C-alpha atoms as a PDB file:
ATOM      1  CA  UNK A   1     125.739  90.698 101.046  1.00  0.00           C
ATOM      2  CA  UNK A   2     124.035  91.955  98.510  1.00  0.00           C
ATOM      3  CA  UNK A   3     120.579  91.782  97.140  1.00  0.00           C
ATOM      4  CA  UNK A   4     119.411  90.094 100.949  1.00  0.00           C
ATOM      5  CA  UNK A   5     116.442  89.247 102.018  1.00  0.00           C
ATOM      6  CA  UNK A   6     114.038  91.178 104.738  1.00  0.00           C
ATOM      7  CA  UNK A   7     111.805  88.806 107.968  1.00  0.00           C
ATOM      8  CA  UNK A   8     109.402  90.048 105.974  1.00  0.00           C
ATOM      9  CA  UNK A   9     110.135  88.989 102.603  1.00  0.00           C
ATOM     10  CA  UNK A  10     111.148  85.391 103.818  1.00  0.00           C
ATOM     11  CA  UNK A  11     107.930  85.054 104.524  1.00  0.00           C
ATOM     12  CA  UNK A  12     106.877  86.290 101.802  1.00  0.00           C
ATOM     13  CA  UNK A  13     109.145  83.591  99.788  1.00  0.00           C
ATOM     14  CA  UNK A  14     107.596  81.247 102.742  1.00  0.00           C
ATOM     15  CA  UNK A  15     104.026  81.640 101.386  1.00  0.00           C
ATOM     16  CA  UNK A  16     104.236  81.664  97.746  1.00  0.00           C
ATOM     17  CA  UNK A  17     105.966  78.722  98.650  1.00  0.00           C
ATOM     18  CA  UNK A  18     103.522  77.096 100.432  1.00  0.00           C
ATOM     19  CA  UNK A  19      99.968  77.976  98.076  1.00  0.00           C
ATOM     20  CA  UNK A  20     102.600  76.542  95.354  1.00  0.00           C
ATOM     21  CA  UNK A  21     102.635  73.236  96.881  1.00  0.00           C
ATOM     22  CA  UNK A  22      98.761  73.649  97.896  1.00  0.00           C
ATOM     23  CA  UNK A  23      97.791  74.724  94.212  1.00  0.00           C
ATOM     24  CA  UNK A  24     100.514  71.793  92.377  1.00  0.00           C
ATOM     25  CA  UNK A  25      99.616  69.362  95.550  1.00  0.00           C
ATOM     26  CA  UNK A  26     103.513  68.629  96.240  1.00  0.00           C
ATOM     27  CA  UNK A  27     105.231  66.043  97.967  1.00  0.00           C
ATOM     28  CA  UNK A  28     107.961  66.727 100.389  1.00  0.00           C
ATOM     29  CA  UNK A  29     110.144  66.289  97.948  1.00  0.00           C
ATOM     30  CA  UNK A  30     109.185  68.181  95.188  1.00  0.00           C
ATOM     31  CA  UNK A  31     108.597  71.421  98.814  1.00  0.00           C
ATOM     32  CA  UNK A  32     112.235  72.385  98.784  1.00  0.00           C
ATOM     33  CA  UNK A  33     113.007  72.975  94.951  1.00  0.00           C
ATOM     34  CA  UNK A  34     109.897  74.533  94.369  1.00  0.00           C
ATOM     35  CA  UNK A  35     111.235  76.955  97.158  1.00  0.00           C
ATOM     36  CA  UNK A  36     114.813  76.867  95.930  1.00  0.00           C
ATOM     37  CA  UNK A  37     112.971  77.918  92.845  1.00  0.00           C
ATOM     38  CA  UNK A  38     111.042  80.899  94.465  1.00  0.00           C
ATOM     39  CA  UNK A  39     114.186  82.174  96.601  1.00  0.00           C
ATOM     40  CA  UNK A  40     116.752  82.013  93.831  1.00  0.00           C
ATOM     41  CA  UNK A  41     114.072  84.898  92.067  1.00  0.00           C
ATOM     42  CA  UNK A  42     113.621  86.526  95.291  1.00  0.00           C
ATOM     43  CA  UNK A  43     118.047  86.914  95.533  1.00  0.00           C
ATOM     44  CA  UNK A  44     117.765  87.954  92.036  1.00  0.00           C
ATOM     45  CA  UNK A  45     114.972  91.207  93.003  1.00  0.00           C
ATOM     46  CA  UNK A  46     112.352  89.996  92.119  1.00  0.00           C
ATOM     47  CA  UNK A  47     110.051  91.153  95.252  1.00  0.00           C
ATOM     48  CA  UNK A  48     105.881  91.099  93.655  1.00  0.00           C
ATOM     49  CA  UNK A  49     104.541  88.154  95.158  1.00  0.00           C
ATOM     50  CA  UNK A  50     101.987  87.548  92.522  1.00  0.00           C
ATOM     51  CA  UNK A  51     105.504  87.499  89.832  1.00  0.00           C
ATOM     52  CA  UNK A  52     106.749  84.790  92.639  1.00  0.00           C
ATOM     53  CA  UNK A  53     103.852  82.916  92.587  1.00  0.00           C
ATOM     54  CA  UNK A  54     103.810  82.619  88.864  1.00  0.00           C
ATOM     55  CA  UNK A  55     107.344  81.377  88.608  1.00  0.00           C
ATOM     56  CA  UNK A  56     106.560  78.509  91.340  1.00  0.00           C
ATOM     57  CA  UNK A  57     103.758  77.037  89.826  1.00  0.00           C
ATOM     58  CA  UNK A  58     105.785  77.756  85.972  1.00  0.00           C
ATOM     59  CA  UNK A  59     102.960  79.554  84.841  1.00  0.00           C
ATOM     60  CA  UNK A  60     105.559  82.472  83.220  1.00  0.00           C
ATOM     61  CA  UNK A  61     105.955  83.243  79.808  1.00  0.00           C
ATOM     62  CA  UNK A  62     109.555  82.347  77.991  1.00  0.00           C
END
């Protein structure tokens, strides 16, 4: 398995998702979309909480 997440990292992904959903006041339909976005970036190597939160909130620069 390549670039697998540890239990602590998965916990961080959940916390980022929860914080983003709380901030955005998202509904049950939006939560899995945000979670998938965060998890996708975490699977590609991003491990910084602040960066993942910015990604979840779509506040990144392009």
